[in-house]
Amino acid sequence: MMPCELGRYTGAMFQPRRIAHCRACGSPTQYRVPADDNRERAVCSACHEIHYENPLNVVGTVPIWRDQVLLCRRNIEPRHGFWTLPAGYMELGESTAEGAARETVEEAGAQFELGALFTVLNVVRAGQLHLFYLAQLSDTVFAPGPETIEAQLFSEAAIPWEQIAFRTVRETLQRYFDDRRRGQFGLHTADIA
């Protein structure tokens, strides 16, 4: 376990300031440390509403068919044309599992049974948390949505490693195949620099 040093993990130096106007009244915000807080926040100059900036959750799956995994070739930026696991931003009103399932249907058009949470990856510099679940495919019929050029099954040897869109996907795939060789799947966590 890594020792926790509050000053080291504040995250403020990594995130650009994004809130220029109050969401409640539209007045300009100012970044300052509110009373009873320990970091700068966007505070409305008129109504004094405090606006918190929190990481975005990216949720997805590792869809499995026998000794293969399903990858989607991106039809959107960033990384258009590169391969990824089906994943995307979690929506309000859904759990991480529900979001992962929704993204898999939207991007791959796959039928599957959702399994256990597999990876939890902190991408601090991007202000994101990536969560991937294992998913057992029910068949090999896919109907990719508009964000996907094509959905295809790959064995480990056939994965286009140089064309994987994101480091979190590469990390998740590597851990999946390592666990598969061991015959035991666990929960993996990592910080992506």
Foldseek 3Di string as FASTA:
>chain_A
DDDDDPVVPPLPVQDDDDQQADPVPGAGWDWDADPPGDGTFTAHPPPRDTDDDAFWEKAAEFEDDPQWTKWFQFCDDDLHRFIFGQIGTDDPPDDSQVRHVVSCCAAWVFAWAWAAWAEWEAASSRRYIYIYTYIYTPDPDTDGHPRTPHMDIDHPVRDPLVRHRDPVRVVRVVLVVVCVVVVHGDHYYYYDD
